[in-house]
Amino acid sequence: MRCATILAGAVLFAALAGCAAPAGSQPDEPLPIGDNSRTSLDWAGVYSGTLPCADCPGIRTRIELREDGTFTRSLRYLDEEAPPPLTDTGRFTWDDSGSRITLGEGADAQHYQVGENVLFHLDQNGQRVTGDLAAAYRLEKTVNDPSIENRRWQLIELNGRPIEPPSDRDGAYLELDGTDSRVTGNASCNRFFGTYELLVGNRIRFGPDIGSTMMACPELEQEREFLDMLGRVDNYSLGEGGLSLNRARMAPLARFREVRGTGSD
């Protein structure tokens, strides 16, 4: 049974902590006296991430917080039988300390601690999750970057090896749709699709929901390398040579050049 319920035709969200969030506590990160998250942080914006789920690979979560105190929340279950994303809107409230917010009411309420460019998904007791799972309960603030989004990027180097695009077809490429954070493209033979996030500091993260078609072709080894690369990268850079997808400060895992006139713009 999913951890979200539908009542009276409206989508209401049970506390997501009930899916897998263990009880735990962690003290708030200190702020200077007189300051709090509400007054000191640029908290308005979109936060996203994949939260743990008891009966699926994860729950793709997207929360938009607005200056007027309203929110829009979307949950998408990452499995083959997943329904369309479940979405609700409403108002959120701050607690007296100005460091936590509550979305929803009553049994459907969910609490978050507001940090700098991050929302910490709190457990059933309103505390930070600790231990090995702590990092899984973070929703990070996302950004848009029109310099790389809504463009087509043709693969020209993979794991340090030059890639020559074929003359008779598209070859490997990717497109980042900035409207709904969807990535699509061709991994060398098969088309692939999934989600991505652009985070503060030129960071990029491709979702665990990357999938592809299943045609057989001679480039399957290169295709495997390409899809594996998407799961490893954590940052990007853009220069005269095009787009580079990187991991930490190592040499780029992949390089791309822009193909004009064929992207989403």
C-alpha atoms as a PDB file:
ATOM      1  CA  MET A   1       0.000   0.000   0.000  1.00  0.00           C
ATOM      2  CA  ARG A   2       1.424   3.392  -0.968  1.00  0.00           C
ATOM      3  CA  CYS A   3       2.230   6.033   1.628  1.00  0.00           C
ATOM      4  CA  ALA A   4      -0.031   8.594  -0.053  1.00  0.00           C
ATOM      5  CA  THR A   5      -3.813   8.509   0.132  1.00  0.00           C
ATOM      6  CA  ILE A   6      -6.619   9.969  -1.970  1.00  0.00           C
ATOM      7  CA  LEU A   7      -9.545  11.358  -0.016  1.00  0.00           C
ATOM      8  CA  ALA A   8     -12.691  13.069  -1.356  1.00  0.00           C
ATOM      9  CA  GLY A   9     -11.133  13.428  -4.785  1.00  0.00           C
ATOM     10  CA  ALA A  10      -8.129  15.407  -3.513  1.00  0.00           C
ATOM     11  CA  VAL A  11      -4.626  14.043  -3.186  1.00  0.00           C
ATOM     12  CA  LEU A  12      -3.519  14.148   0.435  1.00  0.00           C
ATOM     13  CA  PHE A  13      -0.124  12.992   1.612  1.00  0.00           C
ATOM     14  CA  ALA A  14       0.382  10.796   4.625  1.00  0.00           C
ATOM     15  CA  ALA A  15       3.588  11.516   6.496  1.00  0.00           C
ATOM     16  CA  LEU A  16       6.315  10.270   4.194  1.00  0.00           C
ATOM     17  CA  ALA A  17       8.380   9.453   7.213  1.00  0.00           C
ATOM     18  CA  GLY A  18       6.088   6.462   7.649  1.00  0.00           C
ATOM     19  CA  CYS A  19       7.484   4.934   4.465  1.00  0.00           C
ATOM     20  CA  ALA A  20      10.926   4.274   5.816  1.00  0.00           C
ATOM     21  CA  ALA A  21      12.066   7.106   8.068  1.00  0.00           C
ATOM     22  CA  PRO A  22      13.536   5.723  11.278  1.00  0.00           C
ATOM     23  CA  ALA A  23      13.100   7.619  14.480  1.00  0.00           C
ATOM     24  CA  GLY A  24      16.085   9.710  15.406  1.00  0.00           C
ATOM     25  CA  SER A  25      17.083  13.172  16.472  1.00  0.00           C
ATOM     26  CA  GLN A  26      19.710  15.712  15.636  1.00  0.00           C
ATOM     27  CA  PRO A  27      20.033  19.218  17.062  1.00  0.00           C
ATOM     28  CA  ASP A  28      19.267  22.134  14.807  1.00  0.00           C
ATOM     29  CA  GLU A  29      22.233  23.724  13.101  1.00  0.00           C
ATOM     30  CA  PRO A  30      22.917  26.941  15.071  1.00  0.00           C
ATOM     31  CA  LEU A  31      22.243  30.324  13.549  1.00  0.00           C
ATOM     32  CA  PRO A  32      23.452  33.681  14.883  1.00  0.00           C
ATOM     33  CA  ILE A  33      21.401  35.089  17.738  1.00  0.00           C
ATOM     34  CA  GLY A  34      18.359  36.899  16.406  1.00  0.00           C
ATOM     35  CA  ASP A  35      18.497  35.082  13.075  1.00  0.00           C
ATOM     36  CA  ASN A  36      16.585  32.055  11.907  1.00  0.00           C
ATOM     37  CA  SER A  37      15.970  30.183   8.681  1.00  0.00           C
ATOM     38  CA  ARG A  38      12.885  32.228   7.879  1.00  0.00           C
ATOM     39  CA  THR A  39      14.619  35.599   8.169  1.00  0.00           C
ATOM     40  CA  SER A  40      18.205  34.774   7.212  1.00  0.00           C
ATOM     41  CA  LEU A  41      18.019  32.278   4.350  1.00  0.00           C
ATOM     42  CA  ASP A  42      16.886  32.564   0.753  1.00  0.00           C
ATOM     43  CA  TRP A  43      14.485  29.681   1.299  1.00  0.00           C
ATOM     44  CA  ALA A  44      11.926  30.284  -1.496  1.00  0.00           C
ATOM     45  CA  GLY A  45      12.406  27.983  -4.489  1.00  0.00           C
ATOM     46  CA  VAL A  46      12.193  24.399  -5.667  1.00  0.00           C
ATOM     47  CA  TYR A  47      13.624  21.474  -3.686  1.00  0.00           C
ATOM     48  CA  SER A  48      13.865  17.936  -4.994  1.00  0.00           C
ATOM     49  CA  GLY A  49      15.316  14.530  -4.284  1.00  0.00           C
ATOM     50  CA  THR A  50      14.478  10.850  -4.073  1.00  0.00           C
ATOM     51  CA  LEU A  51      13.227   9.803  -0.640  1.00  0.00           C
ATOM     52  CA  PRO A  52      13.289   6.190   0.598  1.00  0.00           C
ATOM     53  CA  CYS A  53      10.208   4.045   0.063  1.00  0.00           C
ATOM     54  CA  ALA A  54       9.177   0.821   1.787  1.00  0.00           C
ATOM     55  CA  ASP A  55       7.866  -0.924  -1.348  1.00  0.00           C
ATOM     56  CA  CYS A  56       9.519   0.797  -4.337  1.00  0.00           C
ATOM     57  CA  PRO A  57      12.984   2.028  -5.395  1.00  0.00           C
ATOM     58  CA  GLY A  58      12.215   5.513  -4.105  1.00  0.00           C
ATOM     59  CA  ILE A  59       9.827   8.460  -4.141  1.00  0.00           C
ATOM     60  CA  ARG A  60      10.847  11.257  -6.464  1.00  0.00           C
ATOM     61  CA  THR A  61       9.830  14.353  -4.467  1.00  0.00           C
ATOM     62  CA  ARG A  62       9.583  17.940  -5.642  1.00  0.00           C
ATOM     63  CA  ILE A  63       8.471  20.800  -3.383  1.00  0.00           C
ATOM     64  CA  GLU A  64       8.141  24.420  -4.432  1.00  0.00           C
ATOM     65  CA  LEU A  65       8.002  26.982  -1.606  1.00  0.00           C
ATOM     66  CA  ARG A  66       6.806  30.488  -2.476  1.00  0.00           C
ATOM     67  CA  GLU A  67       7.295  33.808  -0.717  1.00  0.00           C
ATOM     68  CA  ASP A  68       3.530  34.120  -0.184  1.00  0.00           C
ATOM     69  CA  GLY A  69       3.490  31.019   2.037  1.00  0.00           C
ATOM     70  CA  THR A  70       2.049  28.598  -0.507  1.00  0.00           C
ATOM     71  CA  PHE A  71       3.559  25.345  -1.756  1.00  0.00           C
ATOM     72  CA  THR A  72       3.167  22.786  -4.527  1.00  0.00           C
ATOM     73  CA  ARG A  73       4.318  19.230  -3.841  1.00  0.00           C
ATOM     74  CA  SER A  74       4.700  16.348  -6.285  1.00  0.00           C
ATOM     75  CA  LEU A  75       5.455  12.697  -5.513  1.00  0.00           C
ATOM     76  CA  ARG A  76       6.333  10.111  -8.144  1.00  0.00           C
ATOM     77  CA  TYR A  77       6.974   6.479  -7.258  1.00  0.00           C
ATOM     78  CA  LEU A  78       9.924   4.986  -9.116  1.00  0.00           C
ATOM     79  CA  ASP A  79       8.725   1.572 -10.192  1.00  0.00           C
ATOM     80  CA  GLU A  80       7.282   0.022 -13.319  1.00  0.00           C
ATOM     81  CA  GLU A  81       3.687   0.122 -12.074  1.00  0.00           C
ATOM     82  CA  ALA A  82       3.887   3.651 -10.715  1.00  0.00           C
ATOM     83  CA  PRO A  83       0.864   5.911 -11.295  1.00  0.00           C
ATOM     84  CA  PRO A  84       1.292   9.460 -12.580  1.00  0.00           C
ATOM     85  CA  PRO A  85       2.817  11.903 -10.066  1.00  0.00           C
ATOM     86  CA  LEU A  86       0.587  12.785  -7.121  1.00  0.00           C
ATOM     87  CA  THR A  87       0.387  16.536  -6.595  1.00  0.00           C
ATOM     88  CA  ASP A  88      -1.088  18.788  -3.939  1.00  0.00           C
ATOM     89  CA  THR A  89      -0.975  22.505  -3.187  1.00  0.00           C
ATOM     90  CA  GLY A  90      -1.713  24.565  -0.119  1.00  0.00           C
ATOM     91  CA  ARG A  91      -0.193  26.813   2.495  1.00  0.00           C
ATOM     92  CA  PHE A  92       2.736  25.950   4.753  1.00  0.00           C
ATOM     93  CA  THR A  93       3.362  27.246   8.254  1.00  0.00           C
ATOM     94  CA  TRP A  94       6.527  28.100  10.200  1.00  0.00           C
ATOM     95  CA  ASP A  95       7.074  27.008  13.787  1.00  0.00           C
ATOM     96  CA  ASP A  96       7.869  29.527  16.528  1.00  0.00           C
ATOM     97  CA  SER A  97      11.621  29.083  16.080  1.00  0.00           C
ATOM     98  CA  GLY A  98      11.444  30.023  12.395  1.00  0.00           C
ATOM     99  CA  SER A  99      13.495  26.951  11.487  1.00  0.00           C
ATOM    100  CA  ARG A 100      10.838  24.354  10.610  1.00  0.00           C
ATOM    101  CA  ILE A 101       7.862  24.319   8.266  1.00  0.00           C
ATOM    102  CA  THR A 102       4.789  22.116   8.092  1.00  0.00           C
ATOM    103  CA  LEU A 103       3.053  21.130   4.867  1.00  0.00           C
ATOM    104  CA  GLY A 104      -0.491  19.806   5.200  1.00  0.00           C
ATOM    105  CA  GLU A 105      -2.608  19.394   8.299  1.00  0.00           C
ATOM    106  CA  GLY A 106      -3.505  16.739  10.830  1.00  0.00           C
ATOM    107  CA  ALA A 107      -2.550  13.175   9.951  1.00  0.00           C
ATOM    108  CA  ASP A 108      -1.353  14.350   6.519  1.00  0.00           C
ATOM    109  CA  ALA A 109       1.102  16.912   7.920  1.00  0.00           C
ATOM    110  CA  GLN A 110       4.785  16.592   7.057  1.00  0.00           C
ATOM    111  CA  HIS A 111       7.535  18.564   8.747  1.00  0.00           C
ATOM    112  CA  TYR A 112      10.812  19.859   7.317  1.00  0.00           C
ATOM    113  CA  GLN A 113      13.753  21.684   8.819  1.00  0.00           C
ATOM    114  CA  VAL A 114      14.883  24.517   6.541  1.00  0.00           C
ATOM    115  CA  GLY A 115      18.627  24.767   5.973  1.00  0.00           C
ATOM    116  CA  GLU A 116      20.706  26.694   3.463  1.00  0.00           C
ATOM    117  CA  ASN A 117      19.627  25.360   0.047  1.00  0.00           C
ATOM    118  CA  VAL A 118      18.204  22.196   1.634  1.00  0.00           C
ATOM    119  CA  LEU A 119      15.056  20.839   3.292  1.00  0.00           C
ATOM    120  CA  PHE A 120      15.594  18.102   5.870  1.00  0.00           C
ATOM    121  CA  HIS A 121      12.691  15.650   5.821  1.00  0.00           C
ATOM    122  CA  LEU A 122      11.867  15.031   9.493  1.00  0.00           C
ATOM    123  CA  ASP A 123      10.748  11.775  11.103  1.00  0.00           C
ATOM    124  CA  GLN A 124       7.451  10.990  12.819  1.00  0.00           C
ATOM    125  CA  ASN A 125       8.604  12.850  15.934  1.00  0.00           C
ATOM    126  CA  GLY A 126       9.626  15.978  14.045  1.00  0.00           C
ATOM    127  CA  GLN A 127      13.335  15.214  14.414  1.00  0.00           C
ATOM    128  CA  ARG A 128      16.178  14.961  11.898  1.00  0.00           C
ATOM    129  CA  VAL A 129      16.923  11.422  10.711  1.00  0.00           C
ATOM    130  CA  THR A 130      20.384  10.311  11.819  1.00  0.00           C
ATOM    131  CA  GLY A 131      22.732   7.461  11.002  1.00  0.00           C
ATOM    132  CA  ASP A 132      23.447   5.860   7.655  1.00  0.00           C
ATOM    133  CA  LEU A 133      20.122   6.978   6.149  1.00  0.00           C
ATOM    134  CA  ALA A 134      20.451  10.665   7.053  1.00  0.00           C
ATOM    135  CA  ALA A 135      21.651  11.732   3.596  1.00  0.00           C
ATOM    136  CA  ALA A 136      18.643  10.056   1.983  1.00  0.00           C
ATOM    137  CA  TYR A 137      16.233  12.440   3.737  1.00  0.00           C
ATOM    138  CA  ARG A 138      17.500  15.656   2.146  1.00  0.00           C
ATOM    139  CA  LEU A 139      15.723  17.633  -0.560  1.00  0.00           C
ATOM    140  CA  GLU A 140      18.178  20.007  -2.204  1.00  0.00           C
ATOM    141  CA  LYS A 141      17.374  23.337  -3.791  1.00  0.00           C
ATOM    142  CA  THR A 142      17.437  23.070  -7.549  1.00  0.00           C
ATOM    143  CA  VAL A 143      18.326  25.685 -10.136  1.00  0.00           C
ATOM    144  CA  ASN A 144      17.894  26.194 -13.856  1.00  0.00           C
ATOM    145  CA  ASP A 145      20.787  26.833 -16.218  1.00  0.00           C
ATOM    146  CA  PRO A 146      19.683  27.942 -19.700  1.00  0.00           C
ATOM    147  CA  SER A 147      23.274  27.628 -20.909  1.00  0.00           C
ATOM    148  CA  ILE A 148      22.936  23.824 -20.863  1.00  0.00           C
ATOM    149  CA  GLU A 149      19.177  23.163 -20.695  1.00  0.00           C
ATOM    150  CA  ASN A 150      16.849  22.913 -23.702  1.00  0.00           C
ATOM    151  CA  ARG A 151      19.751  22.193 -26.037  1.00  0.00           C
ATOM    152  CA  ARG A 152      20.991  19.063 -27.776  1.00  0.00           C
ATOM    153  CA  TRP A 153      24.427  17.849 -26.711  1.00  0.00           C
ATOM    154  CA  GLN A 154      26.226  15.381 -28.992  1.00  0.00           C
ATOM    155  CA  LEU A 155      28.674  12.977 -27.329  1.00  0.00           C
ATOM    156  CA  ILE A 156      32.259  13.477 -28.568  1.00  0.00           C
ATOM    157  CA  GLU A 157      34.302  11.836 -25.785  1.00  0.00           C
ATOM    158  CA  LEU A 158      33.529   9.070 -23.285  1.00  0.00           C
ATOM    159  CA  ASN A 159      35.896   8.034 -20.481  1.00  0.00           C
ATOM    160  CA  GLY A 160      38.768   9.781 -22.255  1.00  0.00           C
ATOM    161  CA  ARG A 161      38.096   8.079 -25.589  1.00  0.00           C
ATOM    162  CA  PRO A 162      37.090  10.192 -28.621  1.00  0.00           C
ATOM    163  CA  ILE A 163      33.672   9.305 -30.037  1.00  0.00           C
ATOM    164  CA  GLU A 164      33.025   9.955 -33.709  1.00  0.00           C
ATOM    165  CA  PRO A 165      29.295  10.548 -34.342  1.00  0.00           C
ATOM    166  CA  PRO A 166      27.983   8.185 -37.061  1.00  0.00           C
ATOM    167  CA  SER A 167      27.195   9.713 -40.439  1.00  0.00           C
ATOM    168  CA  ASP A 168      23.941   7.824 -40.982  1.00  0.00           C
ATOM    169  CA  ARG A 169      22.113   8.511 -37.684  1.00  0.00           C
ATOM    170  CA  ASP A 170      22.106  10.671 -34.576  1.00  0.00           C
ATOM    171  CA  GLY A 171      24.583   8.777 -32.404  1.00  0.00           C
ATOM    172  CA  ALA A 172      24.755   9.389 -28.660  1.00  0.00           C
ATOM    173  CA  TYR A 173      23.333  12.671 -27.346  1.00  0.00           C
ATOM    174  CA  LEU A 174      21.296  14.068 -24.496  1.00  0.00           C
ATOM    175  CA  GLU A 175      18.792  16.877 -23.956  1.00  0.00           C
ATOM    176  CA  LEU A 176      17.904  18.431 -20.602  1.00  0.00           C
ATOM    177  CA  ASP A 177      14.344  19.753 -20.460  1.00  0.00           C
ATOM    178  CA  GLY A 178      14.411  22.601 -17.939  1.00  0.00           C
ATOM    179  CA  THR A 179      10.610  22.732 -17.673  1.00  0.00           C
ATOM    180  CA  ASP A 180      10.137  19.427 -15.870  1.00  0.00           C
ATOM    181  CA  SER A 181      13.742  18.281 -15.249  1.00  0.00           C
ATOM    182  CA  ARG A 182      13.530  15.398 -17.716  1.00  0.00           C
ATOM    183  CA  VAL A 183      16.530  14.062 -19.608  1.00  0.00           C
ATOM    184  CA  THR A 184      16.099  12.286 -22.934  1.00  0.00           C
ATOM    185  CA  GLY A 185      18.413  11.234 -25.706  1.00  0.00           C
ATOM    186  CA  ASN A 186      20.190   8.342 -27.348  1.00  0.00           C
ATOM    187  CA  ALA A 187      22.781   6.256 -25.539  1.00  0.00           C
ATOM    188  CA  SER A 188      24.373   5.127 -28.869  1.00  0.00           C
ATOM    189  CA  CYS A 189      21.641   2.806 -30.168  1.00  0.00           C
ATOM    190  CA  ASN A 190      18.691   2.909 -27.786  1.00  0.00           C
ATOM    191  CA  ARG A 191      16.772   5.965 -26.654  1.00  0.00           C
ATOM    192  CA  PHE A 192      16.933   6.709 -22.935  1.00  0.00           C
ATOM    193  CA  PHE A 193      14.814   8.832 -20.602  1.00  0.00           C
ATOM    194  CA  GLY A 194      14.594   9.809 -16.957  1.00  0.00           C
ATOM    195  CA  THR A 195      15.008  12.715 -14.570  1.00  0.00           C
ATOM    196  CA  TYR A 196      17.839  14.986 -13.475  1.00  0.00           C
ATOM    197  CA  GLU A 197      18.504  17.798 -11.024  1.00  0.00           C
ATOM    198  CA  LEU A 198      20.705  20.859 -11.318  1.00  0.00           C
ATOM    199  CA  LEU A 199      21.894  21.924  -7.882  1.00  0.00           C
ATOM    200  CA  VAL A 200      23.673  24.976  -6.511  1.00  0.00           C
ATOM    201  CA  GLY A 201      27.357  25.057  -7.452  1.00  0.00           C
ATOM    202  CA  ASN A 202      27.230  23.557 -10.981  1.00  0.00           C
ATOM    203  CA  ARG A 203      26.222  20.190  -9.588  1.00  0.00           C
ATOM    204  CA  ILE A 204      24.110  17.763 -11.585  1.00  0.00           C
ATOM    205  CA  ARG A 205      22.456  14.543 -10.520  1.00  0.00           C
ATOM    206  CA  PHE A 206      20.694  12.064 -12.778  1.00  0.00           C
ATOM    207  CA  GLY A 207      17.847  10.122 -11.178  1.00  0.00           C
ATOM    208  CA  PRO A 208      17.726   6.399 -10.418  1.00  0.00           C
ATOM    209  CA  ASP A 209      14.824   6.128 -12.872  1.00  0.00           C
ATOM    210  CA  ILE A 210      16.935   6.276 -16.052  1.00  0.00           C
ATOM    211  CA  GLY A 211      15.500   3.740 -18.512  1.00  0.00           C
ATOM    212  CA  SER A 212      15.977   2.901 -22.164  1.00  0.00           C
ATOM    213  CA  THR A 213      14.567   0.945 -25.063  1.00  0.00           C
ATOM    214  CA  MET A 214      15.994  -2.535 -25.678  1.00  0.00           C
ATOM    215  CA  MET A 215      17.084  -2.811 -29.316  1.00  0.00           C
ATOM    216  CA  ALA A 216      20.187  -4.869 -30.113  1.00  0.00           C
ATOM    217  CA  CYS A 217      23.002  -3.108 -31.942  1.00  0.00           C
ATOM    218  CA  PRO A 218      26.818  -3.214 -32.344  1.00  0.00           C
ATOM    219  CA  GLU A 219      27.365  -0.276 -29.946  1.00  0.00           C
ATOM    220  CA  LEU A 220      25.935  -1.969 -26.840  1.00  0.00           C
ATOM    221  CA  GLU A 221      29.237  -1.788 -24.930  1.00  0.00           C
ATOM    222  CA  GLN A 222      29.530   1.943 -25.591  1.00  0.00           C
ATOM    223  CA  GLU A 223      25.889   2.320 -24.621  1.00  0.00           C
ATOM    224  CA  ARG A 224      26.518   0.539 -21.328  1.00  0.00           C
ATOM    225  CA  GLU A 225      29.431   2.901 -20.636  1.00  0.00           C
ATOM    226  CA  PHE A 226      27.272   5.915 -21.467  1.00  0.00           C
ATOM    227  CA  LEU A 227      24.437   4.950 -19.108  1.00  0.00           C
ATOM    228  CA  ASP A 228      26.922   4.021 -16.370  1.00  0.00           C
ATOM    229  CA  MET A 229      28.499   7.464 -16.774  1.00  0.00           C
ATOM    230  CA  LEU A 230      25.155   9.171 -16.105  1.00  0.00           C
ATOM    231  CA  GLY A 231      24.951   7.394 -12.770  1.00  0.00           C
ATOM    232  CA  ARG A 232      28.437   8.513 -11.727  1.00  0.00           C
ATOM    233  CA  VAL A 233      28.622  12.215 -12.600  1.00  0.00           C
ATOM    234  CA  ASP A 234      28.054  14.829  -9.909  1.00  0.00           C
ATOM    235  CA  ASN A 235      29.035  18.134 -11.554  1.00  0.00           C
ATOM    236  CA  TYR A 236      29.321  19.825 -14.917  1.00  0.00           C
ATOM    237  CA  SER A 237      31.351  22.535 -16.597  1.00  0.00           C
ATOM    238  CA  LEU A 238      30.841  24.564 -19.747  1.00  0.00           C
ATOM    239  CA  GLY A 239      33.554  26.102 -21.880  1.00  0.00           C
ATOM    240  CA  GLU A 240      34.598  26.738 -25.444  1.00  0.00           C
ATOM    241  CA  GLY A 241      34.993  22.999 -25.927  1.00  0.00           C
ATOM    242  CA  GLY A 242      31.364  22.378 -24.980  1.00  0.00           C
ATOM    243  CA  LEU A 243      29.714  20.611 -22.036  1.00  0.00           C
ATOM    244  CA  SER A 244      31.687  18.316 -19.725  1.00  0.00           C
ATOM    245  CA  LEU A 245      30.119  15.922 -17.230  1.00  0.00           C
ATOM    246  CA  ASN A 246      32.476  15.215 -14.358  1.00  0.00           C
ATOM    247  CA  ARG A 247      32.877  13.351 -11.106  1.00  0.00           C
ATOM    248  CA  ALA A 248      34.526  15.363  -8.335  1.00  0.00           C
ATOM    249  CA  ARG A 249      37.738  16.902  -9.705  1.00  0.00           C
ATOM    250  CA  MET A 250      38.718  13.985 -11.885  1.00  0.00           C
ATOM    251  CA  ALA A 251      39.096  14.221 -15.646  1.00  0.00           C
ATOM    252  CA  PRO A 252      35.720  14.605 -17.398  1.00  0.00           C
ATOM    253  CA  LEU A 253      33.801  11.361 -17.772  1.00  0.00           C
ATOM    254  CA  ALA A 254      32.123  12.668 -20.946  1.00  0.00           C
ATOM    255  CA  ARG A 255      32.328  15.644 -23.274  1.00  0.00           C
ATOM    256  CA  PHE A 256      29.626  16.970 -25.584  1.00  0.00           C
ATOM    257  CA  ARG A 257      29.315  19.610 -28.267  1.00  0.00           C
ATOM    258  CA  GLU A 258      26.106  21.505 -28.892  1.00  0.00           C
ATOM    259  CA  VAL A 259      24.153  20.605 -32.015  1.00  0.00           C
ATOM    260  CA  ARG A 260      22.155  23.682 -32.906  1.00  0.00           C
ATOM    261  CA  GLY A 261      18.704  23.585 -34.443  1.00  0.00           C
ATOM    262  CA  THR A 262      17.759  20.174 -33.039  1.00  0.00           C
ATOM    263  CA  GLY A 263      17.229  20.786 -29.333  1.00  0.00           C
ATOM    264  CA  SER A 264      14.077  21.680 -27.447  1.00  0.00           C
ATOM    265  CA  ASP A 265      14.435  25.466 -27.787  1.00  0.00           C
END
